[in-house]
Amino acid sequence: MSSKEVNMKTNHFFLPMKVPTKTFQEKKLRTVKGRAVLYTPSELVEIRQKYISALMPYAPPVPAEGPISLCLMFCFKDKKHKPGTPKITKPDTDNMGKMFKDCMTACGFWKDDAQIYRDYIAKSYQEHEGIFVEIVEPTVL
């Protein structure tokens, strides 16, 4: 058997911003002609645009096609907590990650977020508020 070499293409960046605490899980329900209809409130539309605007300068020229390992660290600033302290209050990391990954897909980081085979999503209090993103694309040679 021949040994295979794994090559890693890594991209990482920090988006300095106030991290939104609303998530797409907070859609609203209304009745239209007797039927229940889910809709996205304007506040969530604004958050989506904020994420997309912040992400676009880091988007690759061509979307990734292979497997993706993704690390997201949502950094909150709060005078009551020391930097590095885990944030254990809402919003939930899975909801935050879903919204952010959808925006990354819209920006063309990858063709489909189903390519993400592993993700690490964390939230903590830090000195600087924002979102740290690390994307790793392993390829076997």
N, C-alpha and C. Protein backbone atom coordinates (compact mmCIF):
# COMPACT_ATOMS: atom_id res chain seq x y z
N MET A 1 0.82 -1.20 0.00
CA MET A 1 0.00 0.00 0.00
C MET A 1 0.86 1.25 0.00
N SER A 2 0.42 2.23 -0.70
CA SER A 2 1.16 3.49 -0.72
C SER A 2 0.60 4.42 0.35
N SER A 3 1.48 5.21 0.90
CA SER A 3 1.00 6.18 1.90
C SER A 3 0.43 7.39 1.18
N LYS A 4 -0.60 7.94 1.76
CA LYS A 4 -1.25 9.11 1.15
C LYS A 4 -0.90 10.34 1.96
N GLU A 5 -0.66 11.42 1.26
CA GLU A 5 -0.34 12.68 1.92
C GLU A 5 -1.61 13.54 1.95
N VAL A 6 -1.88 14.10 3.11
CA VAL A 6 -3.03 14.98 3.25
C VAL A 6 -2.54 16.42 3.23
N ASN A 7 -3.09 17.20 2.31
CA ASN A 7 -2.74 18.60 2.19
C ASN A 7 -3.89 19.42 2.78
N MET A 8 -3.59 20.42 3.55
CA MET A 8 -4.62 21.24 4.18
C MET A 8 -4.56 22.67 3.65
N LYS A 9 -5.69 23.13 3.12
CA LYS A 9 -5.82 24.52 2.72
C LYS A 9 -6.62 25.20 3.82
N THR A 10 -6.04 26.20 4.46
CA THR A 10 -6.67 26.85 5.61
C THR A 10 -6.90 28.33 5.33
N ASN A 11 -8.05 28.80 5.74
CA ASN A 11 -8.40 30.22 5.66
C ASN A 11 -8.99 30.60 7.01
N HIS A 12 -8.48 31.66 7.60
CA HIS A 12 -9.05 32.12 8.87
C HIS A 12 -9.07 33.64 8.91
N PHE A 13 -10.09 34.15 9.58
CA PHE A 13 -10.25 35.60 9.69
C PHE A 13 -11.15 35.92 10.87
N PHE A 14 -11.10 37.19 11.28
CA PHE A 14 -11.92 37.67 12.39
C PHE A 14 -12.81 38.80 11.87
N LEU A 15 -14.09 38.71 12.17
CA LEU A 15 -15.04 39.75 11.79
C LEU A 15 -15.36 40.58 13.04
N PRO A 16 -14.77 41.77 13.17
CA PRO A 16 -15.07 42.60 14.34
C PRO A 16 -16.48 43.18 14.20
N MET A 17 -17.37 42.77 15.08
CA MET A 17 -18.75 43.26 15.04
C MET A 17 -19.47 42.91 16.34
N LYS A 18 -20.54 43.61 16.58
CA LYS A 18 -21.41 43.24 17.68
C LYS A 18 -22.14 41.98 17.23
N VAL A 19 -21.99 40.90 17.96
CA VAL A 19 -22.59 39.63 17.57
C VAL A 19 -24.09 39.67 17.82
N PRO A 20 -24.89 39.45 16.77
CA PRO A 20 -26.34 39.44 16.96
C PRO A 20 -26.77 38.28 17.86
N THR A 21 -27.79 38.52 18.66
CA THR A 21 -28.29 37.47 19.54
C THR A 21 -29.61 36.87 19.04
N LYS A 22 -30.15 37.41 17.97
CA LYS A 22 -31.33 36.83 17.33
C LYS A 22 -30.86 35.77 16.33
N THR A 23 -31.67 34.73 16.15
CA THR A 23 -31.32 33.68 15.20
C THR A 23 -32.51 33.38 14.30
N PHE A 24 -32.24 32.66 13.21
CA PHE A 24 -33.31 32.30 12.28
C PHE A 24 -34.32 31.38 12.92
N GLN A 25 -34.01 30.79 14.06
CA GLN A 25 -34.98 29.94 14.75
C GLN A 25 -36.12 30.79 15.31
N GLU A 26 -35.95 32.09 15.29
CA GLU A 26 -36.95 32.99 15.86
C GLU A 26 -37.86 33.56 14.78
N LYS A 27 -38.23 32.73 13.81
CA LYS A 27 -39.16 33.17 12.77
C LYS A 27 -40.53 33.38 13.40
N LYS A 28 -41.34 34.15 12.72
CA LYS A 28 -42.68 34.48 13.22
C LYS A 28 -43.73 33.71 12.43
N LEU A 29 -44.89 33.59 13.04
CA LEU A 29 -46.01 32.90 12.43
C LEU A 29 -47.17 33.87 12.29
N ARG A 30 -47.81 33.85 11.12
CA ARG A 30 -49.00 34.68 10.92
C ARG A 30 -50.00 33.85 10.13
N THR A 31 -51.22 34.31 10.13
CA THR A 31 -52.27 33.62 9.40
C THR A 31 -52.62 34.40 8.15
N VAL A 32 -52.60 33.72 7.00
CA VAL A 32 -52.96 34.32 5.73
C VAL A 32 -54.04 33.44 5.10
N LYS A 33 -55.22 34.02 4.93
CA LYS A 33 -56.36 33.30 4.37
C LYS A 33 -56.61 31.98 5.09
N GLY A 34 -56.51 32.04 6.41
CA GLY A 34 -56.80 30.87 7.23
C GLY A 34 -55.67 29.85 7.33
N ARG A 35 -54.51 30.13 6.73
CA ARG A 35 -53.38 29.21 6.76
C ARG A 35 -52.23 29.82 7.55
N ALA A 36 -51.55 28.99 8.31
CA ALA A 36 -50.38 29.43 9.06
C ALA A 36 -49.19 29.58 8.10
N VAL A 37 -48.53 30.72 8.17
CA VAL A 37 -47.39 31.01 7.31
C VAL A 37 -46.23 31.52 8.17
N LEU A 38 -45.05 30.89 7.99
CA LEU A 38 -43.84 31.37 8.67
C LEU A 38 -43.24 32.50 7.85
N TYR A 39 -42.73 33.51 8.53
CA TYR A 39 -42.04 34.58 7.82
C TYR A 39 -40.84 35.04 8.64
N THR A 40 -39.92 35.67 7.96
CA THR A 40 -38.70 36.18 8.60
C THR A 40 -38.90 37.65 8.93
N PRO A 41 -38.85 37.99 10.23
CA PRO A 41 -38.99 39.41 10.60
C PRO A 41 -37.86 40.26 10.01
N SER A 42 -38.15 41.53 9.80
CA SER A 42 -37.17 42.43 9.19
C SER A 42 -35.86 42.47 9.97
N GLU A 43 -35.93 42.32 11.29
CA GLU A 43 -34.72 42.32 12.12
C GLU A 43 -33.77 41.19 11.72
N LEU A 44 -34.33 40.01 11.42
CA LEU A 44 -33.49 38.89 11.00
C LEU A 44 -32.95 39.08 9.58
N VAL A 45 -33.72 39.73 8.73
CA VAL A 45 -33.25 40.06 7.38
C VAL A 45 -32.05 41.00 7.49
N GLU A 46 -32.12 41.96 8.39
CA GLU A 46 -31.01 42.90 8.61
C GLU A 46 -29.76 42.18 9.13
N ILE A 47 -29.95 41.23 10.03
CA ILE A 47 -28.80 40.47 10.57
C ILE A 47 -28.15 39.67 9.45
N ARG A 48 -28.96 39.04 8.62
CA ARG A 48 -28.44 38.27 7.48
C ARG A 48 -27.60 39.18 6.57
N GLN A 49 -28.10 40.37 6.28
CA GLN A 49 -27.36 41.31 5.43
C GLN A 49 -26.07 41.77 6.11
N LYS A 50 -26.11 41.94 7.41
CA LYS A 50 -24.92 42.34 8.17
C LYS A 50 -23.85 41.26 8.06
N TYR A 51 -24.25 40.00 8.24
CA TYR A 51 -23.30 38.89 8.12
C TYR A 51 -22.74 38.81 6.70
N ILE A 52 -23.61 38.87 5.70
CA ILE A 52 -23.17 38.77 4.32
C ILE A 52 -22.21 39.90 3.96
N SER A 53 -22.51 41.11 4.38
CA SER A 53 -21.62 42.25 4.11
C SER A 53 -20.25 42.06 4.75
N ALA A 54 -20.23 41.52 5.97
CA ALA A 54 -18.96 41.30 6.66
C ALA A 54 -18.17 40.15 6.04
N LEU A 55 -18.87 39.14 5.54
CA LEU A 55 -18.21 37.95 4.98
C LEU A 55 -17.69 38.13 3.56
N MET A 56 -18.36 38.94 2.75
CA MET A 56 -18.02 39.04 1.32
C MET A 56 -16.55 39.35 1.04
N PRO A 57 -15.89 40.23 1.79
CA PRO A 57 -14.47 40.48 1.48
C PRO A 57 -13.58 39.25 1.66
N TYR A 58 -14.04 38.25 2.40
CA TYR A 58 -13.25 37.04 2.66
C TYR A 58 -13.67 35.86 1.80
N ALA A 59 -14.70 36.02 1.00
CA ALA A 59 -15.21 34.93 0.17
C ALA A 59 -14.18 34.56 -0.90
N PRO A 60 -14.02 33.28 -1.16
CA PRO A 60 -13.05 32.87 -2.17
C PRO A 60 -13.57 33.17 -3.58
N PRO A 61 -12.69 33.25 -4.57
CA PRO A 61 -13.14 33.53 -5.93
C PRO A 61 -14.00 32.39 -6.51
N VAL A 62 -13.75 31.16 -6.02
CA VAL A 62 -14.49 29.99 -6.46
C VAL A 62 -14.92 29.20 -5.23
N PRO A 63 -16.18 28.78 -5.14
CA PRO A 63 -16.62 28.00 -3.98
C PRO A 63 -15.88 26.67 -3.85
N ALA A 64 -15.60 26.27 -2.63
CA ALA A 64 -14.97 24.97 -2.36
C ALA A 64 -15.92 23.86 -2.80
N GLU A 65 -15.35 22.77 -3.29
CA GLU A 65 -16.16 21.65 -3.75
C GLU A 65 -16.00 20.42 -2.89
N GLY A 66 -14.92 20.33 -2.13
CA GLY A 66 -14.65 19.15 -1.33
C GLY A 66 -15.11 19.29 0.10
N PRO A 67 -14.59 18.43 0.98
CA PRO A 67 -14.97 18.46 2.38
C PRO A 67 -14.45 19.71 3.09
N ILE A 68 -15.21 20.17 4.07
CA ILE A 68 -14.88 21.38 4.82
C ILE A 68 -14.91 21.07 6.31
N SER A 69 -13.91 21.53 7.02
CA SER A 69 -13.91 21.55 8.48
C SER A 69 -14.04 23.02 8.87
N LEU A 70 -15.01 23.33 9.72
CA LEU A 70 -15.31 24.73 10.03
C LEU A 70 -15.27 24.96 11.54
N CYS A 71 -14.60 26.02 11.92
CA CYS A 71 -14.56 26.44 13.32
C CYS A 71 -15.12 27.86 13.40
N LEU A 72 -16.12 28.05 14.25
CA LEU A 72 -16.70 29.37 14.49
C LEU A 72 -16.62 29.67 15.97
N MET A 73 -16.07 30.83 16.31
CA MET A 73 -16.03 31.28 17.70
C MET A 73 -16.74 32.62 17.76
N PHE A 74 -17.89 32.63 18.42
CA PHE A 74 -18.65 33.86 18.61
C PHE A 74 -18.14 34.51 19.89
N CYS A 75 -17.57 35.69 19.76
CA CYS A 75 -16.93 36.40 20.87
C CYS A 75 -17.81 37.57 21.32
N PHE A 76 -18.22 37.52 22.56
CA PHE A 76 -19.05 38.56 23.15
C PHE A 76 -18.22 39.37 24.14
N LYS A 77 -18.55 40.63 24.27
CA LYS A 77 -17.85 41.49 25.23
C LYS A 77 -18.84 41.88 26.32
N ASP A 78 -18.42 41.69 27.56
CA ASP A 78 -19.28 42.00 28.71
C ASP A 78 -18.37 42.32 29.89
N LYS A 79 -18.55 43.48 30.48
CA LYS A 79 -17.69 43.92 31.58
C LYS A 79 -17.79 43.01 32.81
N LYS A 80 -18.88 42.25 32.92
CA LYS A 80 -19.08 41.38 34.08
C LYS A 80 -18.30 40.07 33.98
N HIS A 81 -17.82 39.73 32.78
CA HIS A 81 -17.15 38.45 32.59
C HIS A 81 -15.71 38.63 32.11
N LYS A 82 -14.82 37.80 32.63
CA LYS A 82 -13.42 37.83 32.22
C LYS A 82 -13.29 37.24 30.82
N PRO A 83 -12.37 37.78 29.99
CA PRO A 83 -12.13 37.18 28.68
C PRO A 83 -11.79 35.69 28.81
N GLY A 84 -12.39 34.89 27.94
CA GLY A 84 -12.17 33.45 27.98
C GLY A 84 -13.26 32.68 28.71
N THR A 85 -14.13 33.41 29.42
CA THR A 85 -15.22 32.76 30.14
C THR A 85 -16.26 32.26 29.13
N PRO A 86 -16.66 30.97 29.22
CA PRO A 86 -17.69 30.47 28.31
C PRO A 86 -19.02 31.22 28.50
N LYS A 87 -19.71 31.48 27.41
CA LYS A 87 -21.04 32.10 27.47
C LYS A 87 -22.06 30.97 27.49
N ILE A 88 -22.83 30.87 28.57
CA ILE A 88 -23.75 29.75 28.73
C ILE A 88 -25.21 30.20 28.72
N THR A 89 -25.45 31.37 28.16
CA THR A 89 -26.82 31.86 28.01
C THR A 89 -27.15 31.92 26.52
N LYS A 90 -28.40 32.18 26.20
CA LYS A 90 -28.84 32.24 24.81
C LYS A 90 -28.10 33.33 24.06
N PRO A 91 -27.96 33.21 22.79
CA PRO A 91 -28.54 32.22 21.89
C PRO A 91 -27.75 30.91 21.89
N ASP A 92 -28.40 29.83 21.45
CA ASP A 92 -27.79 28.52 21.36
C ASP A 92 -26.78 28.49 20.21
N THR A 93 -25.69 27.77 20.41
CA THR A 93 -24.66 27.71 19.37
C THR A 93 -25.17 27.07 18.08
N ASP A 94 -26.04 26.07 18.19
CA ASP A 94 -26.51 25.43 16.96
C ASP A 94 -27.34 26.39 16.11
N ASN A 95 -28.14 27.23 16.75
CA ASN A 95 -28.94 28.21 16.01
C ASN A 95 -28.06 29.31 15.41
N MET A 96 -27.06 29.76 16.18
CA MET A 96 -26.14 30.78 15.68
C MET A 96 -25.35 30.25 14.49
N GLY A 97 -24.87 29.02 14.63
CA GLY A 97 -24.08 28.42 13.57
C GLY A 97 -24.87 28.22 12.29
N LYS A 98 -26.11 27.79 12.41
CA LYS A 98 -26.96 27.56 11.24
C LYS A 98 -27.13 28.85 10.44
N MET A 99 -27.47 29.92 11.13
CA MET A 99 -27.66 31.21 10.46
C MET A 99 -26.38 31.67 9.77
N PHE A 100 -25.26 31.56 10.48
CA PHE A 100 -23.99 32.03 9.94
C PHE A 100 -23.54 31.18 8.76
N LYS A 101 -23.70 29.85 8.86
CA LYS A 101 -23.32 28.97 7.76
C LYS A 101 -24.18 29.22 6.52
N ASP A 102 -25.45 29.50 6.73
CA ASP A 102 -26.32 29.84 5.59
C ASP A 102 -25.81 31.09 4.88
N CYS A 103 -25.34 32.06 5.64
CA CYS A 103 -24.80 33.29 5.04
C CYS A 103 -23.48 33.00 4.32
N MET A 104 -22.66 32.11 4.87
CA MET A 104 -21.41 31.75 4.20
C MET A 104 -21.70 31.04 2.88
N THR A 105 -22.74 30.20 2.87
CA THR A 105 -23.15 29.53 1.63
C THR A 105 -23.57 30.58 0.60
N ALA A 106 -24.36 31.55 1.03
CA ALA A 106 -24.83 32.61 0.13
C ALA A 106 -23.66 33.42 -0.43
N CYS A 107 -22.59 33.54 0.34
CA CYS A 107 -21.40 34.30 -0.11
C CYS A 107 -20.49 33.47 -1.02
N GLY A 108 -20.73 32.18 -1.14
CA GLY A 108 -19.93 31.34 -2.03
C GLY A 108 -18.68 30.74 -1.42
N PHE A 109 -18.65 30.52 -0.12
CA PHE A 109 -17.50 29.85 0.50
C PHE A 109 -17.43 28.39 0.06
N TRP A 110 -18.58 27.78 -0.18
CA TRP A 110 -18.71 26.40 -0.63
C TRP A 110 -19.98 26.30 -1.46
N LYS A 111 -20.13 25.18 -2.16
CA LYS A 111 -21.33 25.01 -2.98
C LYS A 111 -22.55 24.70 -2.12
N ASP A 112 -22.36 23.91 -1.08
CA ASP A 112 -23.47 23.50 -0.22
C ASP A 112 -22.93 23.25 1.18
N ASP A 113 -23.64 23.71 2.20
CA ASP A 113 -23.12 23.51 3.56
C ASP A 113 -23.15 22.04 3.98
N ALA A 114 -23.71 21.16 3.15
CA ALA A 114 -23.62 19.72 3.41
C ALA A 114 -22.16 19.24 3.30
N GLN A 115 -21.29 20.03 2.65
CA GLN A 115 -19.87 19.70 2.53
C GLN A 115 -19.16 19.79 3.88
N ILE A 116 -19.76 20.44 4.84
CA ILE A 116 -19.14 20.57 6.17
C ILE A 116 -19.28 19.23 6.88
N TYR A 117 -18.13 18.54 7.00
CA TYR A 117 -18.15 17.22 7.63
C TYR A 117 -17.85 17.31 9.13
N ARG A 118 -17.29 18.44 9.52
CA ARG A 118 -16.98 18.64 10.94
C ARG A 118 -17.08 20.12 11.23
N ASP A 119 -17.75 20.45 12.34
CA ASP A 119 -17.75 21.85 12.75
C ASP A 119 -17.59 21.95 14.26
N TYR A 120 -17.01 23.06 14.63
CA TYR A 120 -16.80 23.39 16.04
C TYR A 120 -17.36 24.79 16.21
N ILE A 121 -18.38 24.92 17.04
CA ILE A 121 -19.01 26.22 17.25
C ILE A 121 -18.98 26.51 18.75
N ALA A 122 -18.42 27.65 19.09
CA ALA A 122 -18.29 28.02 20.50
C ALA A 122 -18.70 29.47 20.68
N LYS A 123 -18.99 29.82 21.92
CA LYS A 123 -19.28 31.22 22.25
C LYS A 123 -18.68 31.49 23.62
N SER A 124 -18.04 32.63 23.71
CA SER A 124 -17.41 32.99 24.98
C SER A 124 -17.27 34.51 25.05
N TYR A 125 -16.93 34.96 26.23
CA TYR A 125 -16.66 36.38 26.42
C TYR A 125 -15.19 36.61 26.12
N GLN A 126 -14.92 37.66 25.35
CA GLN A 126 -13.55 37.97 24.95
C GLN A 126 -13.32 39.47 25.04
N GLU A 127 -12.08 39.87 24.91
CA GLU A 127 -11.73 41.29 24.96
C GLU A 127 -12.28 42.03 23.74
N HIS A 128 -12.26 41.36 22.59
CA HIS A 128 -12.77 41.96 21.35
C HIS A 128 -14.01 41.20 20.90
N GLU A 129 -15.05 41.94 20.55
CA GLU A 129 -16.29 41.30 20.12
C GLU A 129 -16.27 41.05 18.62
N GLY A 130 -16.77 39.89 18.23
CA GLY A 130 -16.83 39.55 16.82
C GLY A 130 -16.92 38.05 16.63
N ILE A 131 -16.58 37.61 15.42
CA ILE A 131 -16.67 36.20 15.07
C ILE A 131 -15.36 35.77 14.42
N PHE A 132 -14.75 34.75 15.02
CA PHE A 132 -13.55 34.15 14.45
C PHE A 132 -13.99 32.98 13.59
N VAL A 133 -13.47 32.93 12.36
CA VAL A 133 -13.82 31.88 11.41
C VAL A 133 -12.55 31.19 10.94
N GLU A 134 -12.57 29.85 10.96
CA GLU A 134 -11.48 29.07 10.39
C GLU A 134 -12.08 28.00 9.49
N ILE A 135 -11.62 27.95 8.25
CA ILE A 135 -12.09 26.98 7.27
C ILE A 135 -10.89 26.15 6.85
N VAL A 136 -11.01 24.83 6.97
CA VAL A 136 -9.94 23.93 6.55
C VAL A 136 -10.51 22.99 5.49
N GLU A 137 -9.79 22.93 4.37
CA GLU A 137 -10.15 22.03 3.27
C GLU A 137 -9.08 20.96 3.12
N PRO A 138 -9.30 19.78 3.68
CA PRO A 138 -8.30 18.72 3.52
C PRO A 138 -8.43 18.06 2.15
N THR A 139 -7.30 17.77 1.52
CA THR A 139 -7.30 17.04 0.27
C THR A 139 -6.25 15.94 0.35
N VAL A 140 -6.61 14.76 -0.10
CA VAL A 140 -5.69 13.63 -0.07
C VAL A 140 -4.99 13.57 -1.42
N LEU A 141 -3.65 13.54 -1.37
CA LEU A 141 -2.85 13.50 -2.61
C LEU A 141 -2.39 12.08 -2.89
